[in-house]
């Protein structure tokens, strides 16, 4: 803890799993965990105002250092009074360090893959020493090329922390390399050493009272995950992020989280970066994760998908034009109280952007309520 700006307390644990409830105290308010941190990459949850995002029950958002560096630039945000004032969000904020873009704009772009490997890449492997086509990874940091104007941009641990300090989120993350799922052992091992080296620098250069989370990497390799958890867990971070990929086997994630969390200090918060499909949430929380960010509710909404108590519904389908029910009969969000499926489906057919807003609101509300139900079980000692 650093002063009274940041504090985390665990007040309830499940009797049948590692699930726990905690209270995160920040300068901009409290966060009851476990919780979802909706993705607000460019200082906005796409299609929603900050007021609407609050109404979905969202407690904390995560913005992105790399994208905000490109536009509008951290100096503009700082002059506006920091991210909270800039986007009129009065609750806690996080900023990701830009480490994920090392993957997504690098090998992820080269191979057309995400963190979770969903397609065959013809057995291709990324080996130690191999570089992505569109950026260069060095021991000191990463040379990017802006996708806006083609200008070169260097981002390393010092630069990432300096940008995040100007952005002014309550919680910031150490700069890391998110290694690709097709990287071989030697590549991931050396990537991990860079991440650990950068973690030391991040701690050394940070000047503000913002909470700083270190990031555990190691890919799908158990011994590297354990090594990273021990190393990062022994450092004076305020909390910990768990990044990267866990392999294509869904059960592997739970096993890997168990290995990682066993090595981390019990009393500090744990954040799982970039994972949060509905089916994953129970596993994540049972493993002992406190916060997780994911763009699933918002990303799916913009493609016409509503999450409901009886499964996903594609509101782009014409059959819903004759459906007079709400998106979810059991949902009490303002969208389900006020609009019918036929109207929302019509908006999609007519390509009206209000459809995206209505579904985004409902999906975030649905995810947050889903997590609230889990919390009730934990409070009773279950789950």
Foldseek 3Di string as FASTA:
>chain_A
DFPPAWFKFWDFAFPPFRFTWMWIHHPLGIDIWDDEAEEPAQLHLPPDALVLLVLLVHAEHEYELVVVCVPPRLQVCLVCVASCNVRVHSHAYEYELCQLCLCCVFVCVVQVADLAGDDDSPLDEAEAPDTGPAKGQDLFFIWGQDPPPRHIDTDGQLNSLVSCVSNPGQEYEGHAHQDHQRYDQNNLLVSLVSLLVSQVVNVVNHDDPRAYAREQHREQDQVSSLVRLQSRQVDPGQAYEYDGHNYNDPVSVLVSLLSNVVNHDPRHAYEYEADDDPVCVVSCSSSNHIYYYHNVQLVVQVQQWAQEPVGIDRLLDQVQLPWFAFPYNPDDRPRNVPGGSNVLNVCVVVVPCVSSNSSSSRSSSVSRVVVVVVVVQSVVSHD
